[in-house]
Amino acid sequence: MRIELDKLEGQSGRFEHRYEPDELVLDDEHARLIEPPQVTGRISRSGHNVRLQGQITARAEVDCDRCLKQVSLPIETTFDVTYVPAADYVEGEAAELQEEDLGLSVYEDEVIDIDELVREQVLLTLPARALCTEDCEGLCPVCGANRNENPCECESNETDPRWGALKDLRF
């Protein structure tokens, strides 16, 4: 979605966009969008700086970290980003990122493309570790069977060789 700043009436306004299926790709092999994102928000302009505030809702599907079963997760997040013109943004040679810079982005040619913002916010909302259930048994390291569906009789007696010398100690 592109916001053309020269067509913005006044100093503020509202925007809304519902993405079509496959219009936004996450570029993550472990996560897929199953319900396209919808973004709503407000835009306000102060001089050359443009502030976007809004909300993103969607539904994503991720792989369980233990058994690889697909898990559906709701996505609901808010954003507050200030855009500055690329010409005004000066990168120092040894610039240190400050806390106030975390909500800062750059635009060019009086156009703001928020697709990257939406993609980034959706990926940040996904959990670092996803489980299909809290008591997921995962996959067997020997035969690869899903222990939630078919408990196997495999025994994993593999010992880390770094601990091998301790195996013979008796107290």
Protein backbone atom coordinates (compact mmCIF):
# COMPACT_ATOMS: atom_id res chain seq x y z
CA MET A 1 0.00 0.00 0.00
CA ARG A 2 1.34 3.40 -0.96
CA ILE A 3 0.40 6.65 0.73
CA GLU A 4 0.97 9.64 -1.54
CA LEU A 5 1.70 12.59 0.70
CA ASP A 6 1.00 15.22 -1.94
CA LYS A 7 -2.63 14.01 -2.03
CA LEU A 8 -3.01 14.23 1.75
CA GLU A 9 -5.67 16.81 2.50
CA GLY A 10 -4.73 18.96 5.47
CA GLN A 11 -2.21 17.86 8.09
CA SER A 12 -3.88 14.58 9.08
CA GLY A 13 -6.11 11.82 7.84
CA ARG A 14 -7.09 8.20 8.17
CA PHE A 15 -6.11 5.20 6.10
CA GLU A 16 -7.28 1.62 5.80
CA HIS A 17 -6.18 -1.27 3.63
CA ARG A 18 -7.08 -4.95 3.49
CA TYR A 19 -4.42 -6.93 1.69
CA GLU A 20 -5.39 -9.46 -0.94
CA PRO A 21 -4.22 -13.06 -0.52
CA ASP A 22 -0.57 -13.35 -1.65
CA GLU A 23 -0.22 -9.54 -1.87
CA LEU A 24 2.11 -9.55 1.14
CA VAL A 25 4.67 -12.35 1.56
CA LEU A 26 6.47 -12.81 4.89
CA ASP A 27 9.66 -14.33 3.41
CA ASP A 28 9.93 -16.69 6.39
CA GLU A 29 10.09 -20.44 5.80
CA HIS A 30 8.42 -21.23 9.14
CA ALA A 31 5.51 -18.75 8.95
CA ARG A 32 2.74 -18.14 6.42
CA LEU A 33 -0.19 -15.75 6.33
CA ILE A 34 -3.49 -17.61 6.22
CA GLU A 35 -5.65 -14.52 6.67
CA PRO A 36 -4.40 -11.42 4.85
CA PRO A 37 -3.49 -8.46 7.04
CA GLN A 38 -5.79 -5.53 7.52
CA VAL A 39 -4.21 -2.23 8.52
CA THR A 40 -6.04 0.82 9.82
CA GLY A 41 -4.61 4.00 11.21
CA ARG A 42 -4.05 7.72 11.30
CA ILE A 43 -1.53 9.81 9.46
CA SER A 44 -0.38 13.24 10.60
CA ARG A 45 2.15 15.56 9.05
CA SER A 46 4.30 18.14 10.79
CA GLY A 47 6.56 19.89 8.29
CA HIS A 48 8.41 17.15 6.43
CA ASN A 49 7.93 14.56 9.17
CA VAL A 50 5.01 12.14 8.83
CA ARG A 51 3.68 10.07 11.71
CA LEU A 52 1.73 6.86 11.18
CA GLN A 53 -0.17 5.25 14.04
CA GLY A 54 -2.41 2.27 13.63
CA GLN A 55 -3.31 -1.34 14.11
CA ILE A 56 -2.66 -4.51 12.12
CA THR A 57 -4.76 -7.66 12.34
CA ALA A 58 -4.14 -10.94 10.53
CA ARG A 59 -3.80 -14.68 11.08
CA ALA A 60 -0.57 -16.60 10.55
CA GLU A 61 0.37 -20.25 10.52
CA VAL A 62 3.68 -21.37 12.03
CA ASP A 63 5.34 -24.74 12.57
CA CYS A 64 5.38 -26.24 16.07
CA ASP A 65 8.98 -26.25 17.26
CA ARG A 66 8.72 -29.82 18.58
CA CYS A 67 6.54 -31.79 16.15
CA LEU A 68 6.33 -29.48 13.07
CA LYS A 69 2.50 -29.51 13.15
CA GLN A 70 1.04 -26.29 11.79
CA VAL A 71 -0.32 -23.90 14.41
CA SER A 72 -2.68 -21.02 13.63
CA LEU A 73 -2.02 -17.78 15.53
CA PRO A 74 -3.98 -14.52 15.60
CA ILE A 75 -1.96 -11.39 14.89
CA GLU A 76 -2.98 -8.13 16.56
CA THR A 77 -0.44 -5.37 16.92
CA THR A 78 -0.16 -1.60 16.94
CA PHE A 79 2.48 0.64 15.46
CA ASP A 80 3.68 4.22 15.86
CA VAL A 81 6.31 5.22 13.29
CA THR A 82 7.65 8.61 12.24
CA TYR A 83 8.86 8.95 8.65
CA VAL A 84 11.41 11.56 7.63
CA PRO A 85 12.52 12.48 4.10
CA ALA A 86 15.61 10.62 2.92
CA ALA A 87 17.31 13.97 2.22
CA ASP A 88 16.83 15.03 5.86
CA TYR A 89 18.08 11.75 7.27
CA VAL A 90 21.79 12.03 7.91
CA GLU A 91 23.80 8.96 8.75
CA GLY A 92 26.89 9.75 10.77
CA GLU A 93 29.97 7.60 10.31
CA ALA A 94 29.86 6.39 13.90
CA ALA A 95 26.20 7.05 14.60
CA GLU A 96 24.85 5.29 17.64
CA LEU A 97 21.25 4.14 17.55
CA GLN A 98 19.24 5.95 20.21
CA GLU A 99 15.94 4.78 21.71
CA GLU A 100 14.01 7.52 19.89
CA ASP A 101 15.40 6.23 16.57
CA LEU A 102 13.62 2.87 16.91
CA GLY A 103 10.36 4.35 15.67
CA LEU A 104 11.98 6.23 12.78
CA SER A 105 11.88 5.36 9.09
CA VAL A 106 12.65 7.09 5.78
CA TYR A 107 10.51 7.98 2.75
CA GLU A 108 11.37 9.28 -0.71
CA ASP A 109 9.50 11.20 -3.41
CA GLU A 110 6.50 12.14 -1.21
CA VAL A 111 5.42 8.46 -1.11
CA ILE A 112 5.32 6.10 1.87
CA ASP A 113 5.06 2.39 1.12
CA ILE A 114 3.82 0.68 4.29
CA ASP A 115 4.12 -2.92 3.05
CA GLU A 116 7.53 -3.33 4.71
CA LEU A 117 6.15 -1.85 7.94
CA VAL A 118 3.27 -4.35 7.95
CA ARG A 119 5.59 -7.29 7.15
CA GLU A 120 7.99 -6.26 9.92
CA GLN A 121 5.25 -5.80 12.52
CA VAL A 122 3.65 -9.17 11.69
CA LEU A 123 7.01 -10.97 12.01
CA LEU A 124 7.77 -9.20 15.30
CA THR A 125 4.40 -10.30 16.70
CA LEU A 126 5.06 -13.99 16.01
CA PRO A 127 6.40 -15.87 19.02
CA ALA A 128 10.05 -16.90 19.00
CA ARG A 129 8.97 -20.39 20.03
CA ALA A 130 5.61 -21.89 19.05
CA LEU A 131 4.10 -25.11 20.37
CA CYS A 132 0.93 -26.83 19.18
CA THR A 133 0.14 -27.72 22.82
CA GLU A 134 2.02 -27.14 26.05
CA ASP A 135 2.55 -30.89 26.49
CA CYS A 136 3.69 -31.59 22.91
CA GLU A 137 5.93 -34.69 22.88
CA GLY A 138 7.69 -33.76 19.63
CA LEU A 139 9.38 -36.06 17.15
CA CYS A 140 11.36 -39.15 18.10
CA PRO A 141 15.08 -38.46 17.49
CA VAL A 142 15.63 -42.10 16.45
CA CYS A 143 12.76 -42.99 14.07
CA GLY A 144 11.21 -39.55 13.46
CA ALA A 145 7.69 -40.56 14.50
CA ASN A 146 5.38 -37.91 15.91
CA ARG A 147 5.16 -38.96 19.57
CA ASN A 148 1.79 -37.17 19.93
CA GLU A 149 0.17 -39.51 17.38
CA ASN A 150 2.19 -42.74 17.64
CA PRO A 151 4.27 -43.25 20.76
CA CYS A 152 7.29 -45.30 19.69
CA GLU A 153 9.40 -47.74 21.67
CA CYS A 154 12.72 -46.30 20.54
CA GLU A 155 15.34 -45.71 23.19
CA SER A 156 17.88 -43.02 22.79
CA ASN A 157 20.94 -44.12 24.74
CA GLU A 158 23.22 -41.74 22.93
CA THR A 159 25.53 -40.03 25.36
CA ASP A 160 27.39 -36.85 24.69
CA PRO A 161 31.05 -37.95 24.42
CA ARG A 162 32.08 -35.04 26.64
CA TRP A 163 30.24 -36.73 29.53
CA GLY A 164 31.51 -40.25 28.74
CA ALA A 165 34.27 -40.21 31.39
CA LEU A 166 31.71 -39.51 34.12
CA LYS A 167 29.68 -42.61 33.22
CA ASP A 168 32.11 -44.95 35.03
CA LEU A 169 32.30 -42.91 38.24
CA ARG A 170 30.67 -44.48 41.27
CA PHE A 171 30.03 -42.83 44.63
